[in-house]
N, C-alpha and C. Protein backbone atom coordinates (compact mmCIF):
# COMPACT_ATOMS: atom_id res chain seq x y z
N MET A 1 -17.21 -14.07 4.70
CA MET A 1 -16.33 -13.81 3.59
C MET A 1 -16.25 -12.31 3.36
N ARG A 2 -15.05 -11.84 3.06
CA ARG A 2 -14.85 -10.42 2.83
C ARG A 2 -14.78 -10.12 1.35
N LYS A 3 -15.06 -8.89 1.03
CA LYS A 3 -15.06 -8.41 -0.35
C LYS A 3 -13.68 -7.86 -0.70
N VAL A 4 -13.20 -8.14 -1.91
CA VAL A 4 -11.95 -7.59 -2.41
C VAL A 4 -12.30 -6.51 -3.43
N VAL A 5 -11.77 -5.32 -3.21
CA VAL A 5 -12.00 -4.19 -4.11
C VAL A 5 -10.67 -3.84 -4.78
N VAL A 6 -10.66 -3.76 -6.09
CA VAL A 6 -9.45 -3.43 -6.83
C VAL A 6 -9.39 -1.92 -7.04
N SER A 7 -8.25 -1.35 -6.71
CA SER A 7 -8.02 0.07 -6.93
C SER A 7 -6.69 0.20 -7.66
N GLU A 8 -6.73 0.76 -8.86
CA GLU A 8 -5.51 0.85 -9.66
C GLU A 8 -5.22 2.29 -10.04
N PHE A 9 -3.95 2.57 -10.17
CA PHE A 9 -3.49 3.85 -10.72
C PHE A 9 -2.92 3.55 -12.10
N VAL A 10 -3.18 4.42 -13.03
CA VAL A 10 -2.65 4.26 -14.38
C VAL A 10 -2.05 5.59 -14.80
N SER A 11 -0.91 5.53 -15.45
CA SER A 11 -0.29 6.76 -15.95
C SER A 11 -0.12 6.65 -17.46
N LEU A 12 0.05 7.77 -18.11
CA LEU A 12 0.19 7.78 -19.57
C LEU A 12 1.40 7.00 -20.04
N ASP A 13 2.48 7.01 -19.26
CA ASP A 13 3.67 6.28 -19.67
C ASP A 13 3.71 4.85 -19.12
N GLY A 14 2.66 4.45 -18.40
CA GLY A 14 2.59 3.08 -17.90
C GLY A 14 3.41 2.83 -16.66
N VAL A 15 3.96 3.86 -16.07
CA VAL A 15 4.80 3.69 -14.88
C VAL A 15 4.17 4.42 -13.70
N MET A 16 3.94 3.70 -12.63
CA MET A 16 3.40 4.29 -11.40
C MET A 16 4.23 3.71 -10.27
N GLU A 17 5.31 4.40 -9.93
CA GLU A 17 6.27 3.82 -9.01
C GLU A 17 6.29 4.40 -7.62
N ASN A 18 6.04 5.67 -7.48
CA ASN A 18 6.36 6.30 -6.22
C ASN A 18 5.23 7.20 -5.73
N PRO A 19 4.59 6.84 -4.61
CA PRO A 19 3.52 7.69 -4.09
C PRO A 19 3.96 9.12 -3.81
N GLN A 20 5.23 9.33 -3.46
CA GLN A 20 5.70 10.68 -3.18
C GLN A 20 5.64 11.55 -4.43
N TRP A 21 5.80 10.96 -5.59
CA TRP A 21 5.74 11.73 -6.83
C TRP A 21 4.29 12.02 -7.22
N THR A 22 3.41 11.03 -7.08
CA THR A 22 2.03 11.19 -7.54
C THR A 22 1.22 12.11 -6.65
N VAL A 23 1.54 12.17 -5.37
CA VAL A 23 0.76 12.97 -4.42
C VAL A 23 0.67 14.43 -4.85
N GLN A 24 1.76 14.96 -5.35
CA GLN A 24 1.78 16.39 -5.69
C GLN A 24 0.93 16.75 -6.91
N PHE A 25 0.51 15.76 -7.69
CA PHE A 25 -0.26 16.04 -8.90
C PHE A 25 -1.72 15.62 -8.82
N ARG A 26 -2.19 15.22 -7.65
CA ARG A 26 -3.59 14.81 -7.50
C ARG A 26 -4.51 16.01 -7.39
N SER A 27 -5.68 15.90 -8.00
CA SER A 27 -6.71 16.93 -7.83
C SER A 27 -7.41 16.69 -6.50
N GLU A 28 -8.12 17.68 -6.01
CA GLU A 28 -8.89 17.52 -4.77
C GLU A 28 -9.96 16.44 -4.94
N GLU A 29 -10.56 16.38 -6.13
CA GLU A 29 -11.58 15.36 -6.40
C GLU A 29 -10.98 13.95 -6.33
N THR A 30 -9.82 13.77 -6.91
CA THR A 30 -9.15 12.47 -6.86
C THR A 30 -8.76 12.13 -5.44
N LYS A 31 -8.23 13.11 -4.73
CA LYS A 31 -7.82 12.89 -3.33
C LYS A 31 -9.02 12.45 -2.49
N GLN A 32 -10.16 13.10 -2.65
CA GLN A 32 -11.36 12.73 -1.89
C GLN A 32 -11.85 11.34 -2.27
N PHE A 33 -11.81 11.01 -3.56
CA PHE A 33 -12.23 9.69 -4.02
C PHE A 33 -11.38 8.60 -3.38
N LYS A 34 -10.05 8.77 -3.40
CA LYS A 34 -9.14 7.78 -2.82
C LYS A 34 -9.33 7.70 -1.30
N PHE A 35 -9.60 8.82 -0.66
CA PHE A 35 -9.82 8.82 0.79
C PHE A 35 -11.10 8.06 1.13
N ASP A 36 -12.17 8.32 0.40
CA ASP A 36 -13.43 7.60 0.63
C ASP A 36 -13.25 6.11 0.38
N GLU A 37 -12.50 5.77 -0.65
CA GLU A 37 -12.22 4.37 -0.96
C GLU A 37 -11.46 3.70 0.19
N LEU A 38 -10.47 4.39 0.73
CA LEU A 38 -9.69 3.84 1.83
C LEU A 38 -10.53 3.72 3.09
N LYS A 39 -11.37 4.70 3.37
CA LYS A 39 -12.23 4.64 4.57
C LYS A 39 -13.19 3.47 4.52
N ALA A 40 -13.56 3.02 3.32
CA ALA A 40 -14.48 1.90 3.18
C ALA A 40 -13.75 0.55 3.31
N SER A 41 -12.45 0.59 3.51
CA SER A 41 -11.63 -0.62 3.61
C SER A 41 -11.16 -0.81 5.04
N ASP A 42 -10.67 -2.02 5.32
CA ASP A 42 -10.08 -2.25 6.64
C ASP A 42 -8.74 -2.96 6.56
N ALA A 43 -8.25 -3.21 5.35
CA ALA A 43 -6.94 -3.83 5.15
C ALA A 43 -6.53 -3.59 3.70
N LEU A 44 -5.24 -3.78 3.43
CA LEU A 44 -4.72 -3.61 2.08
C LEU A 44 -4.13 -4.92 1.58
N LEU A 45 -4.46 -5.31 0.36
CA LEU A 45 -3.90 -6.48 -0.31
C LEU A 45 -2.97 -5.96 -1.39
N LEU A 46 -1.68 -6.27 -1.26
CA LEU A 46 -0.67 -5.69 -2.14
C LEU A 46 0.24 -6.76 -2.71
N GLY A 47 0.75 -6.50 -3.90
CA GLY A 47 1.85 -7.31 -4.42
C GLY A 47 3.12 -6.92 -3.69
N ARG A 48 4.13 -7.79 -3.75
CA ARG A 48 5.36 -7.54 -3.01
C ARG A 48 6.03 -6.23 -3.43
N GLU A 49 6.16 -5.97 -4.72
CA GLU A 49 6.84 -4.75 -5.15
C GLU A 49 6.07 -3.50 -4.74
N THR A 50 4.76 -3.53 -4.86
CA THR A 50 3.95 -2.38 -4.43
C THR A 50 4.13 -2.17 -2.93
N TYR A 51 4.11 -3.26 -2.16
CA TYR A 51 4.30 -3.13 -0.72
C TYR A 51 5.65 -2.49 -0.41
N VAL A 52 6.71 -2.99 -1.03
CA VAL A 52 8.05 -2.46 -0.76
C VAL A 52 8.12 -0.97 -1.11
N ASN A 53 7.53 -0.57 -2.25
CA ASN A 53 7.51 0.85 -2.63
C ASN A 53 6.70 1.68 -1.64
N PHE A 54 5.54 1.18 -1.24
CA PHE A 54 4.72 1.89 -0.26
C PHE A 54 5.46 2.02 1.07
N ALA A 55 6.12 0.93 1.50
CA ALA A 55 6.82 0.94 2.79
C ALA A 55 7.93 1.98 2.81
N ALA A 56 8.52 2.24 1.65
CA ALA A 56 9.58 3.25 1.57
C ALA A 56 9.01 4.67 1.56
N ALA A 57 7.81 4.85 1.04
CA ALA A 57 7.26 6.20 0.86
C ALA A 57 6.31 6.64 1.96
N TRP A 58 5.34 5.81 2.32
CA TRP A 58 4.25 6.28 3.17
C TRP A 58 4.63 6.71 4.58
N PRO A 59 5.59 6.08 5.24
CA PRO A 59 5.95 6.59 6.57
C PRO A 59 6.40 8.05 6.55
N ASN A 60 6.91 8.51 5.40
CA ASN A 60 7.37 9.89 5.26
C ASN A 60 6.25 10.84 4.85
N LEU A 61 5.06 10.33 4.60
CA LEU A 61 3.96 11.17 4.12
C LEU A 61 2.87 11.39 5.16
N ILE A 62 3.06 10.93 6.38
CA ILE A 62 2.02 11.05 7.40
C ILE A 62 1.66 12.52 7.64
N GLU A 63 2.65 13.35 7.84
CA GLU A 63 2.38 14.77 8.13
C GLU A 63 1.70 15.45 6.93
N GLN A 64 2.20 15.19 5.74
CA GLN A 64 1.66 15.80 4.53
C GLN A 64 0.24 15.31 4.22
N GLU A 65 -0.04 14.04 4.47
CA GLU A 65 -1.32 13.45 4.08
C GLU A 65 -2.33 13.35 5.22
N GLY A 66 -1.94 13.69 6.44
CA GLY A 66 -2.89 13.70 7.56
C GLY A 66 -3.52 12.34 7.82
N GLU A 67 -4.85 12.33 7.96
CA GLU A 67 -5.57 11.09 8.30
C GLU A 67 -5.37 10.01 7.24
N TYR A 68 -5.33 10.39 5.98
CA TYR A 68 -5.10 9.42 4.91
C TYR A 68 -3.75 8.73 5.10
N GLY A 69 -2.73 9.50 5.39
CA GLY A 69 -1.40 8.93 5.63
C GLY A 69 -1.39 8.02 6.84
N TRP A 70 -2.07 8.43 7.89
CA TRP A 70 -2.14 7.59 9.09
C TRP A 70 -2.83 6.26 8.76
N MET A 71 -3.93 6.31 8.00
CA MET A 71 -4.65 5.09 7.64
C MET A 71 -3.78 4.19 6.76
N MET A 72 -3.09 4.76 5.78
CA MET A 72 -2.22 3.95 4.91
C MET A 72 -1.14 3.24 5.71
N ASN A 73 -0.64 3.88 6.74
CA ASN A 73 0.41 3.29 7.55
C ASN A 73 -0.10 2.31 8.59
N SER A 74 -1.32 2.48 9.07
CA SER A 74 -1.79 1.66 10.19
C SER A 74 -2.64 0.46 9.77
N TYR A 75 -3.19 0.47 8.56
CA TYR A 75 -4.03 -0.66 8.13
C TYR A 75 -3.18 -1.93 8.01
N PRO A 76 -3.77 -3.08 8.31
CA PRO A 76 -3.06 -4.34 8.06
C PRO A 76 -2.76 -4.48 6.57
N LYS A 77 -1.58 -5.03 6.27
CA LYS A 77 -1.19 -5.26 4.89
C LYS A 77 -1.07 -6.76 4.65
N HIS A 78 -1.67 -7.22 3.58
CA HIS A 78 -1.56 -8.62 3.17
C HIS A 78 -0.80 -8.61 1.86
N VAL A 79 0.37 -9.25 1.85
CA VAL A 79 1.25 -9.22 0.68
C VAL A 79 1.22 -10.58 0.01
N ILE A 80 1.01 -10.58 -1.30
CA ILE A 80 1.00 -11.82 -2.05
C ILE A 80 2.07 -11.74 -3.13
N SER A 81 2.76 -12.85 -3.35
CA SER A 81 3.88 -12.84 -4.28
C SER A 81 4.12 -14.23 -4.84
N THR A 82 4.60 -14.29 -6.06
CA THR A 82 5.04 -15.57 -6.63
C THR A 82 6.56 -15.69 -6.55
N THR A 83 7.24 -14.63 -6.12
CA THR A 83 8.70 -14.63 -6.13
C THR A 83 9.34 -14.74 -4.75
N LEU A 84 8.59 -14.48 -3.71
CA LEU A 84 9.17 -14.57 -2.36
C LEU A 84 9.53 -16.01 -2.04
N LYS A 85 10.73 -16.20 -1.52
CA LYS A 85 11.18 -17.55 -1.15
C LYS A 85 11.18 -17.73 0.37
N LYS A 86 11.52 -16.68 1.09
CA LYS A 86 11.65 -16.77 2.54
C LYS A 86 10.67 -15.80 3.20
N MET A 87 9.46 -16.27 3.46
CA MET A 87 8.41 -15.42 4.02
C MET A 87 8.80 -14.83 5.37
N GLU A 88 9.33 -15.67 6.24
CA GLU A 88 9.62 -15.22 7.60
C GLU A 88 10.62 -14.07 7.59
N GLN A 89 11.65 -14.16 6.75
CA GLN A 89 12.64 -13.10 6.68
C GLN A 89 12.05 -11.83 6.09
N PHE A 90 11.22 -11.98 5.05
CA PHE A 90 10.56 -10.81 4.46
C PHE A 90 9.71 -10.10 5.49
N ILE A 91 8.92 -10.85 6.24
CA ILE A 91 8.06 -10.26 7.26
C ILE A 91 8.90 -9.59 8.35
N ALA A 92 9.97 -10.25 8.78
CA ALA A 92 10.83 -9.66 9.81
C ALA A 92 11.45 -8.37 9.30
N ASP A 93 11.93 -8.37 8.06
CA ASP A 93 12.55 -7.17 7.49
C ASP A 93 11.54 -6.05 7.35
N GLN A 94 10.35 -6.36 6.90
CA GLN A 94 9.33 -5.34 6.64
C GLN A 94 8.57 -4.94 7.89
N GLY A 95 8.68 -5.71 8.95
CA GLY A 95 7.97 -5.42 10.19
C GLY A 95 8.34 -4.07 10.79
N GLN A 96 9.44 -3.49 10.32
CA GLN A 96 9.84 -2.18 10.81
C GLN A 96 8.95 -1.08 10.26
N TYR A 97 8.24 -1.38 9.18
CA TYR A 97 7.28 -0.44 8.58
C TYR A 97 6.24 -0.16 9.65
N GLN A 98 5.91 1.08 9.83
CA GLN A 98 5.05 1.52 10.92
C GLN A 98 3.88 0.59 11.16
N GLY A 99 3.72 0.15 12.37
CA GLY A 99 2.64 -0.76 12.73
C GLY A 99 3.09 -2.21 12.71
N GLY A 100 3.94 -2.57 11.77
CA GLY A 100 4.45 -3.93 11.68
C GLY A 100 3.38 -4.99 11.50
N ASN A 101 2.20 -4.61 11.05
CA ASN A 101 1.09 -5.54 10.92
C ASN A 101 1.03 -6.04 9.49
N ILE A 102 1.75 -7.14 9.21
CA ILE A 102 1.86 -7.63 7.84
C ILE A 102 1.75 -9.14 7.81
N GLN A 103 1.08 -9.64 6.79
CA GLN A 103 1.04 -11.07 6.51
C GLN A 103 1.50 -11.23 5.08
N ALA A 104 2.30 -12.26 4.81
CA ALA A 104 2.75 -12.51 3.44
C ALA A 104 2.41 -13.94 3.06
N GLU A 105 2.12 -14.14 1.81
CA GLU A 105 1.77 -15.46 1.31
C GLU A 105 2.38 -15.62 -0.06
N ARG A 106 2.95 -16.80 -0.32
CA ARG A 106 3.49 -17.08 -1.65
C ARG A 106 2.39 -17.71 -2.48
N ALA A 107 2.07 -17.08 -3.58
CA ALA A 107 1.04 -17.60 -4.48
C ALA A 107 1.61 -18.76 -5.27
N ALA A 108 0.84 -19.81 -5.40
CA ALA A 108 1.27 -21.00 -6.13
C ALA A 108 0.66 -21.00 -7.52
N TRP A 109 1.16 -20.14 -8.39
CA TRP A 109 0.63 -20.07 -9.76
C TRP A 109 1.52 -20.80 -10.70
């Protein structure tokens, strides 16, 4: 059995939408913390909207973020959603995201 670690970002206005915006305001201490957290992981578990936002941003951040960007793009992504109706089409559409290593599951809540 694997361990699930929760990592959340919180902003004063309650909106955390775009990694391209947040990257420019991170401190070195925060950057190192997130990097260490990512290095201790081997896959990402994401909600559908977070995945779609990451897929739009992270392929463009590889050069700027170096090894962290490479890891964010190459790690397997597991997407969970209560709103997805057509898993196969979602996976096919998102498979263009660098690496194409994605699994999606519809949560039955």
